[in-house]
Amino acid sequence: MMRSFFIFAALAGCLVAAGCGDSGRPPGQAGSDSPYVGGPCMNGSECEFGLCQQGAQTPGGVCTISCGGSGNCSSGSSCVVLDFGWLCMVDCTSDTDCRTDYSCQDIESAPPPSDGTEPMTTRVCLGASSAAAP
């Protein structure tokens, strides 16, 4: 009985350590098929963090993480200001880095600066139809 407890405690400790990570980032790697950030979804049960965002900026749904307050996202993603809040979206350098119906767009990084300076921008994959008109 005592041996089982120690095995359980050791496994629980490993799981906690793996989930927290040393970098302070949430676990997982973002990408077009990732259940962490970037993969398509119809509901939250298909996503590791339970958040499937639907809307014009996220056609076909996208697994994501709410990064409000922390600004921390899984590797390969950034915290940005979207119509529905601060969410982690897949980083990109060109449209080929994004899944179908998405394009690589410049968007305001979150959290916005508190000192009155211009917000920083980053490039992430968003719904192609949500690109700002010139």
N, C-alpha and C. Protein backbone atom coordinates (compact mmCIF):
# COMPACT_ATOMS: atom_id res chain seq x y z
N MET A 1 0.83 -1.20 0.00
CA MET A 1 0.00 0.00 0.00
C MET A 1 0.86 1.25 0.00
N MET A 2 1.88 1.27 0.86
CA MET A 2 2.76 2.43 0.95
C MET A 2 3.56 2.60 -0.34
N ARG A 3 3.97 1.47 -0.92
CA ARG A 3 4.74 1.51 -2.18
C ARG A 3 3.89 2.12 -3.29
N SER A 4 2.62 1.77 -3.36
CA SER A 4 1.71 2.32 -4.36
C SER A 4 1.58 3.83 -4.21
N PHE A 5 1.53 4.29 -2.98
CA PHE A 5 1.43 5.73 -2.73
C PHE A 5 2.66 6.45 -3.27
N PHE A 6 3.86 5.91 -3.00
CA PHE A 6 5.09 6.55 -3.47
C PHE A 6 5.17 6.56 -5.00
N ILE A 7 4.73 5.48 -5.64
CA ILE A 7 4.72 5.44 -7.10
C ILE A 7 3.75 6.48 -7.64
N PHE A 8 2.57 6.57 -7.05
CA PHE A 8 1.58 7.57 -7.47
C PHE A 8 2.13 8.98 -7.27
N ALA A 9 2.73 9.25 -6.13
CA ALA A 9 3.29 10.57 -5.84
C ALA A 9 4.39 10.93 -6.84
N ALA A 10 5.24 9.97 -7.17
CA ALA A 10 6.32 10.23 -8.14
C ALA A 10 5.75 10.53 -9.52
N LEU A 11 4.74 9.78 -9.94
CA LEU A 11 4.11 10.03 -11.24
C LEU A 11 3.41 11.38 -11.26
N ALA A 12 2.72 11.72 -10.21
CA ALA A 12 2.04 13.01 -10.13
C ALA A 12 3.05 14.15 -10.20
N GLY A 13 4.17 14.00 -9.52
CA GLY A 13 5.21 15.02 -9.56
C GLY A 13 5.78 15.20 -10.95
N CYS A 14 5.97 14.10 -11.68
CA CYS A 14 6.47 14.17 -13.06
C CYS A 14 5.47 14.89 -13.95
N LEU A 15 4.19 14.59 -13.79
CA LEU A 15 3.17 15.23 -14.61
C LEU A 15 3.10 16.72 -14.34
N VAL A 16 3.18 17.11 -13.09
CA VAL A 16 3.15 18.53 -12.74
C VAL A 16 4.37 19.23 -13.32
N ALA A 17 5.53 18.64 -13.18
CA ALA A 17 6.75 19.24 -13.71
C ALA A 17 6.69 19.36 -15.22
N ALA A 18 6.16 18.36 -15.91
CA ALA A 18 6.07 18.41 -17.37
C ALA A 18 5.08 19.46 -17.82
N GLY A 19 4.03 19.66 -17.07
CA GLY A 19 3.02 20.65 -17.44
C GLY A 19 3.45 22.07 -17.19
N CYS A 20 4.27 22.29 -16.19
CA CYS A 20 4.67 23.65 -15.85
C CYS A 20 5.84 24.13 -16.69
N GLY A 21 6.84 23.30 -16.86
CA GLY A 21 7.99 23.69 -17.66
C GLY A 21 8.82 24.76 -16.97
N ASP A 22 10.07 24.85 -17.38
CA ASP A 22 10.96 25.83 -16.79
C ASP A 22 10.78 27.22 -17.37
N SER A 23 10.25 27.31 -18.60
CA SER A 23 10.17 28.60 -19.29
C SER A 23 8.96 29.42 -18.87
N GLY A 24 8.03 28.86 -18.15
CA GLY A 24 6.82 29.57 -17.78
C GLY A 24 5.78 29.54 -18.90
N ARG A 25 6.12 28.94 -20.04
CA ARG A 25 5.19 28.81 -21.16
C ARG A 25 4.26 27.64 -20.92
N PRO A 26 3.03 27.72 -21.44
CA PRO A 26 2.18 26.54 -21.42
C PRO A 26 2.82 25.44 -22.26
N PRO A 27 2.52 24.19 -22.01
CA PRO A 27 3.13 23.10 -22.76
C PRO A 27 2.63 23.08 -24.21
N GLY A 28 3.32 22.32 -25.02
CA GLY A 28 2.88 22.08 -26.39
C GLY A 28 3.56 22.96 -27.41
N GLN A 29 3.41 22.55 -28.66
CA GLN A 29 3.96 23.26 -29.81
C GLN A 29 2.80 23.68 -30.69
N ALA A 30 2.77 24.95 -31.08
CA ALA A 30 1.72 25.46 -31.96
C ALA A 30 1.97 25.01 -33.39
N GLY A 31 0.91 24.93 -34.18
CA GLY A 31 1.01 24.57 -35.58
C GLY A 31 -0.36 24.33 -36.19
N SER A 32 -0.41 24.18 -37.49
CA SER A 32 -1.67 24.06 -38.22
C SER A 32 -2.51 22.86 -37.80
N ASP A 33 -1.89 21.83 -37.22
CA ASP A 33 -2.62 20.64 -36.78
C ASP A 33 -2.54 20.43 -35.28
N SER A 34 -2.03 21.40 -34.55
CA SER A 34 -1.78 21.25 -33.12
C SER A 34 -3.06 21.35 -32.29
N PRO A 35 -3.27 20.41 -31.37
CA PRO A 35 -4.40 20.53 -30.45
C PRO A 35 -4.13 21.55 -29.35
N TYR A 36 -2.92 22.10 -29.30
CA TYR A 36 -2.57 23.13 -28.31
C TYR A 36 -2.97 24.51 -28.84
N VAL A 37 -2.34 24.93 -29.95
CA VAL A 37 -2.64 26.21 -30.58
C VAL A 37 -2.52 26.05 -32.09
N GLY A 38 -3.60 26.36 -32.80
CA GLY A 38 -3.55 26.40 -34.26
C GLY A 38 -4.33 25.37 -35.01
N GLY A 39 -4.62 24.24 -34.38
CA GLY A 39 -5.35 23.18 -35.07
C GLY A 39 -6.83 23.49 -35.23
N PRO A 40 -7.46 22.90 -36.25
CA PRO A 40 -8.90 23.13 -36.45
C PRO A 40 -9.72 22.41 -35.38
N CYS A 41 -10.91 22.95 -35.12
CA CYS A 41 -11.78 22.34 -34.10
C CYS A 41 -13.23 22.77 -34.31
N MET A 42 -14.11 21.97 -33.79
CA MET A 42 -15.54 22.29 -33.78
C MET A 42 -16.00 22.63 -32.36
N ASN A 43 -15.29 22.09 -31.35
CA ASN A 43 -15.64 22.38 -29.96
C ASN A 43 -14.39 22.19 -29.09
N GLY A 44 -14.47 22.68 -27.87
CA GLY A 44 -13.34 22.66 -26.94
C GLY A 44 -12.80 21.29 -26.60
N SER A 45 -13.61 20.25 -26.71
CA SER A 45 -13.14 18.91 -26.36
C SER A 45 -12.05 18.42 -27.33
N GLU A 46 -11.90 19.06 -28.48
CA GLU A 46 -10.87 18.68 -29.45
C GLU A 46 -9.53 19.38 -29.19
N CYS A 47 -9.51 20.27 -28.19
CA CYS A 47 -8.33 21.08 -27.92
C CYS A 47 -7.75 20.77 -26.54
N GLU A 48 -6.42 20.74 -26.46
CA GLU A 48 -5.74 20.42 -25.20
C GLU A 48 -6.14 21.33 -24.06
N PHE A 49 -6.33 22.62 -24.34
CA PHE A 49 -6.67 23.57 -23.29
C PHE A 49 -8.17 23.85 -23.21
N GLY A 50 -8.97 23.12 -24.00
CA GLY A 50 -10.42 23.22 -23.92
C GLY A 50 -11.01 24.47 -24.54
N LEU A 51 -10.22 25.22 -25.35
CA LEU A 51 -10.75 26.44 -25.96
C LEU A 51 -10.67 26.33 -27.47
N CYS A 52 -11.85 26.29 -28.11
CA CYS A 52 -11.97 26.30 -29.57
C CYS A 52 -12.63 27.61 -29.94
N GLN A 53 -11.87 28.51 -30.55
CA GLN A 53 -12.40 29.83 -30.91
C GLN A 53 -12.99 29.79 -32.31
N GLN A 54 -14.23 30.23 -32.43
CA GLN A 54 -14.94 30.29 -33.71
C GLN A 54 -15.20 31.75 -34.04
N GLY A 55 -15.11 32.12 -35.33
CA GLY A 55 -15.41 33.48 -35.75
C GLY A 55 -14.74 33.83 -37.05
N ALA A 56 -14.93 35.07 -37.51
CA ALA A 56 -14.36 35.53 -38.78
C ALA A 56 -12.84 35.46 -38.77
N GLN A 57 -12.22 35.74 -37.64
CA GLN A 57 -10.76 35.70 -37.55
C GLN A 57 -10.23 34.27 -37.43
N THR A 58 -11.12 33.31 -37.18
CA THR A 58 -10.72 31.92 -36.96
C THR A 58 -11.64 30.95 -37.70
N PRO A 59 -11.66 31.00 -39.06
CA PRO A 59 -12.56 30.12 -39.81
C PRO A 59 -12.24 28.65 -39.58
N GLY A 60 -13.29 27.86 -39.46
CA GLY A 60 -13.12 26.43 -39.19
C GLY A 60 -12.77 26.16 -37.75
N GLY A 61 -12.75 27.18 -36.92
CA GLY A 61 -12.39 27.04 -35.52
C GLY A 61 -10.90 26.83 -35.35
N VAL A 62 -10.37 27.29 -34.22
CA VAL A 62 -8.94 27.12 -33.94
C VAL A 62 -8.75 26.83 -32.45
N CYS A 63 -7.96 25.81 -32.17
CA CYS A 63 -7.59 25.54 -30.78
C CYS A 63 -6.66 26.66 -30.34
N THR A 64 -6.87 27.17 -29.14
CA THR A 64 -6.06 28.28 -28.66
C THR A 64 -6.01 28.30 -27.15
N ILE A 65 -5.32 29.31 -26.62
CA ILE A 65 -5.21 29.54 -25.19
C ILE A 65 -5.52 31.00 -24.94
N SER A 66 -6.29 31.29 -23.91
CA SER A 66 -6.48 32.67 -23.49
C SER A 66 -5.21 33.10 -22.78
N CYS A 67 -4.58 34.17 -23.26
CA CYS A 67 -3.31 34.61 -22.68
C CYS A 67 -3.46 35.93 -21.94
N GLY A 68 -4.69 36.36 -21.68
CA GLY A 68 -4.93 37.59 -20.95
C GLY A 68 -4.25 37.59 -19.60
N GLY A 69 -3.55 38.65 -19.32
CA GLY A 69 -2.85 38.76 -18.05
C GLY A 69 -1.42 38.27 -18.10
N SER A 70 -1.19 37.11 -18.69
CA SER A 70 0.15 36.54 -18.69
C SER A 70 0.91 36.84 -19.97
N GLY A 71 0.23 36.84 -21.10
CA GLY A 71 0.90 37.01 -22.38
C GLY A 71 1.70 35.79 -22.80
N ASN A 72 1.63 34.70 -22.03
CA ASN A 72 2.39 33.48 -22.33
C ASN A 72 1.61 32.54 -23.23
N CYS A 73 2.32 32.01 -24.23
CA CYS A 73 1.72 31.07 -25.18
C CYS A 73 2.66 29.90 -25.39
N SER A 74 2.11 28.81 -25.93
CA SER A 74 2.92 27.65 -26.28
C SER A 74 3.97 28.03 -27.33
N SER A 75 5.02 27.25 -27.41
CA SER A 75 6.08 27.49 -28.40
C SER A 75 5.49 27.57 -29.80
N GLY A 76 5.96 28.55 -30.57
CA GLY A 76 5.49 28.71 -31.95
C GLY A 76 4.24 29.55 -32.06
N SER A 77 3.83 30.20 -30.97
CA SER A 77 2.65 31.07 -31.01
C SER A 77 2.90 32.33 -30.19
N SER A 78 2.08 33.34 -30.45
CA SER A 78 2.21 34.62 -29.75
C SER A 78 0.86 35.08 -29.24
N CYS A 79 0.89 35.88 -28.19
CA CYS A 79 -0.33 36.45 -27.61
C CYS A 79 -0.67 37.73 -28.38
N VAL A 80 -1.88 37.77 -28.96
CA VAL A 80 -2.29 38.91 -29.76
C VAL A 80 -3.68 39.39 -29.34
N VAL A 81 -3.98 40.63 -29.72
CA VAL A 81 -5.28 41.24 -29.42
C VAL A 81 -6.22 40.93 -30.59
N LEU A 82 -7.26 40.13 -30.32
CA LEU A 82 -8.26 39.80 -31.33
C LEU A 82 -9.59 40.42 -30.96
N ASP A 83 -10.56 40.31 -31.84
CA ASP A 83 -11.88 40.88 -31.59
C ASP A 83 -12.49 40.36 -30.29
N PHE A 84 -12.13 39.13 -29.90
CA PHE A 84 -12.77 38.49 -28.74
C PHE A 84 -11.83 38.33 -27.56
N GLY A 85 -10.71 39.04 -27.55
CA GLY A 85 -9.81 39.00 -26.40
C GLY A 85 -8.38 38.69 -26.78
N TRP A 86 -7.56 38.43 -25.78
CA TRP A 86 -6.16 38.09 -25.98
C TRP A 86 -6.04 36.59 -26.11
N LEU A 87 -5.60 36.15 -27.29
CA LEU A 87 -5.48 34.72 -27.54
C LEU A 87 -4.13 34.41 -28.18
N CYS A 88 -3.67 33.19 -27.98
CA CYS A 88 -2.45 32.70 -28.61
C CYS A 88 -2.80 32.24 -30.02
N MET A 89 -2.02 32.70 -30.99
CA MET A 89 -2.20 32.30 -32.38
C MET A 89 -0.84 31.89 -32.95
N VAL A 90 -0.85 31.06 -33.98
CA VAL A 90 0.36 30.51 -34.59
C VAL A 90 1.21 31.61 -35.21
N ASP A 91 2.51 31.63 -34.88
CA ASP A 91 3.47 32.56 -35.49
C ASP A 91 3.67 32.19 -36.96
N CYS A 92 4.01 33.20 -37.78
CA CYS A 92 4.27 32.95 -39.19
C CYS A 92 5.19 34.01 -39.77
N THR A 93 5.76 33.69 -40.93
CA THR A 93 6.54 34.67 -41.69
C THR A 93 5.92 34.88 -43.06
N SER A 94 5.11 33.89 -43.53
CA SER A 94 4.42 34.02 -44.82
C SER A 94 3.15 33.18 -44.77
N ASP A 95 2.30 33.35 -45.80
CA ASP A 95 1.04 32.62 -45.86
C ASP A 95 1.24 31.11 -45.89
N THR A 96 2.37 30.65 -46.41
CA THR A 96 2.62 29.20 -46.48
C THR A 96 2.80 28.57 -45.11
N ASP A 97 3.02 29.39 -44.07
CA ASP A 97 3.12 28.89 -42.70
C ASP A 97 1.75 28.64 -42.08
N CYS A 98 0.70 29.08 -42.76
CA CYS A 98 -0.66 29.02 -42.20
C CYS A 98 -1.49 27.94 -42.89
N ARG A 99 -2.51 27.47 -42.19
CA ARG A 99 -3.39 26.47 -42.77
C ARG A 99 -4.33 27.12 -43.79
N THR A 100 -5.05 26.29 -44.55
CA THR A 100 -5.98 26.76 -45.57
C THR A 100 -6.98 27.73 -44.95
N ASP A 101 -7.33 28.77 -45.69
CA ASP A 101 -8.26 29.83 -45.27
C ASP A 101 -7.66 30.79 -44.25
N TYR A 102 -6.35 30.67 -43.99
CA TYR A 102 -5.67 31.58 -43.08
C TYR A 102 -4.54 32.27 -43.84
N SER A 103 -4.18 33.47 -43.42
CA SER A 103 -3.05 34.18 -44.00
C SER A 103 -2.20 34.76 -42.88
N CYS A 104 -0.95 35.04 -43.21
CA CYS A 104 -0.01 35.60 -42.24
C CYS A 104 -0.24 37.10 -42.17
N GLN A 105 -0.64 37.60 -41.00
CA GLN A 105 -1.03 39.00 -40.85
C GLN A 105 -0.32 39.66 -39.68
N ASP A 106 -0.06 40.96 -39.84
CA ASP A 106 0.46 41.78 -38.74
C ASP A 106 -0.70 42.14 -37.85
N ILE A 107 -0.52 41.95 -36.55
CA ILE A 107 -1.58 42.28 -35.59
C ILE A 107 -0.94 42.72 -34.28
N GLU A 108 -1.69 43.48 -33.51
CA GLU A 108 -1.18 44.02 -32.24
C GLU A 108 -0.89 42.92 -31.24
N SER A 109 0.31 42.99 -30.67
CA SER A 109 0.72 42.04 -29.63
C SER A 109 0.03 42.39 -28.32
N ALA A 110 -0.19 41.38 -27.51
CA ALA A 110 -0.75 41.59 -26.18
C ALA A 110 0.32 41.16 -25.17
N PRO A 111 0.37 41.74 -24.03
CA PRO A 111 -0.44 42.87 -23.60
C PRO A 111 0.06 44.18 -24.22
N PRO A 112 -0.87 45.12 -24.42
CA PRO A 112 -0.47 46.43 -24.96
C PRO A 112 0.44 47.15 -23.96
N PRO A 113 1.31 48.03 -24.45
CA PRO A 113 2.19 48.76 -23.53
C PRO A 113 1.39 49.66 -22.59
N SER A 114 1.85 49.76 -21.37
CA SER A 114 1.14 50.58 -20.37
C SER A 114 1.75 51.98 -20.25
N ASP A 115 2.81 52.24 -21.03
CA ASP A 115 3.49 53.54 -20.91
C ASP A 115 3.08 54.54 -21.98
N GLY A 116 2.03 54.23 -22.75
CA GLY A 116 1.55 55.16 -23.76
C GLY A 116 2.26 55.07 -25.10
N THR A 117 3.26 54.19 -25.23
CA THR A 117 3.95 54.03 -26.50
C THR A 117 3.08 53.24 -27.48
N GLU A 118 3.46 53.28 -28.74
CA GLU A 118 2.74 52.53 -29.76
C GLU A 118 2.79 51.04 -29.46
N PRO A 119 1.69 50.34 -29.68
CA PRO A 119 1.70 48.89 -29.47
C PRO A 119 2.65 48.20 -30.45
N MET A 120 3.24 47.12 -30.02
CA MET A 120 4.07 46.29 -30.88
C MET A 120 3.15 45.44 -31.74
N THR A 121 3.64 44.98 -32.87
CA THR A 121 2.88 44.05 -33.69
C THR A 121 3.69 42.78 -33.89
N THR A 122 3.00 41.74 -34.23
CA THR A 122 3.63 40.46 -34.54
C THR A 122 2.87 39.83 -35.70
N ARG A 123 3.45 38.84 -36.33
CA ARG A 123 2.81 38.17 -37.46
C ARG A 123 2.29 36.80 -37.02
N VAL A 124 0.98 36.63 -37.18
CA VAL A 124 0.34 35.37 -36.83
C VAL A 124 -0.64 34.97 -37.93
N CYS A 125 -1.04 33.71 -37.91
CA CYS A 125 -2.02 33.18 -38.86
C CYS A 125 -3.43 33.52 -38.38
N LEU A 126 -4.18 34.23 -39.25
CA LEU A 126 -5.57 34.58 -38.97
C LEU A 126 -6.39 34.28 -40.21
N GLY A 127 -7.71 34.24 -40.02
CA GLY A 127 -8.58 34.02 -41.16
C GLY A 127 -8.29 35.00 -42.27
N ALA A 128 -8.15 34.49 -43.50
CA ALA A 128 -7.78 35.32 -44.64
C ALA A 128 -8.78 36.45 -44.86
N SER A 129 -10.05 36.22 -44.56
CA SER A 129 -11.06 37.26 -44.77
C SER A 129 -11.01 38.35 -43.71
N SER A 130 -10.22 38.16 -42.64
CA SER A 130 -10.14 39.17 -41.58
C SER A 130 -9.02 40.16 -41.80
N ALA A 131 -8.27 40.02 -42.91
CA ALA A 131 -7.17 40.95 -43.21
C ALA A 131 -7.73 42.35 -43.34
N ALA A 132 -7.01 43.31 -42.74
CA ALA A 132 -7.45 44.70 -42.76
C ALA A 132 -7.36 45.26 -44.18
N ALA A 133 -8.39 45.98 -44.59
CA ALA A 133 -8.37 46.62 -45.90
C ALA A 133 -7.47 47.85 -45.85
N PRO A 134 -6.72 48.12 -46.95
CA PRO A 134 -5.82 49.29 -46.94
C PRO A 134 -6.56 50.59 -46.93
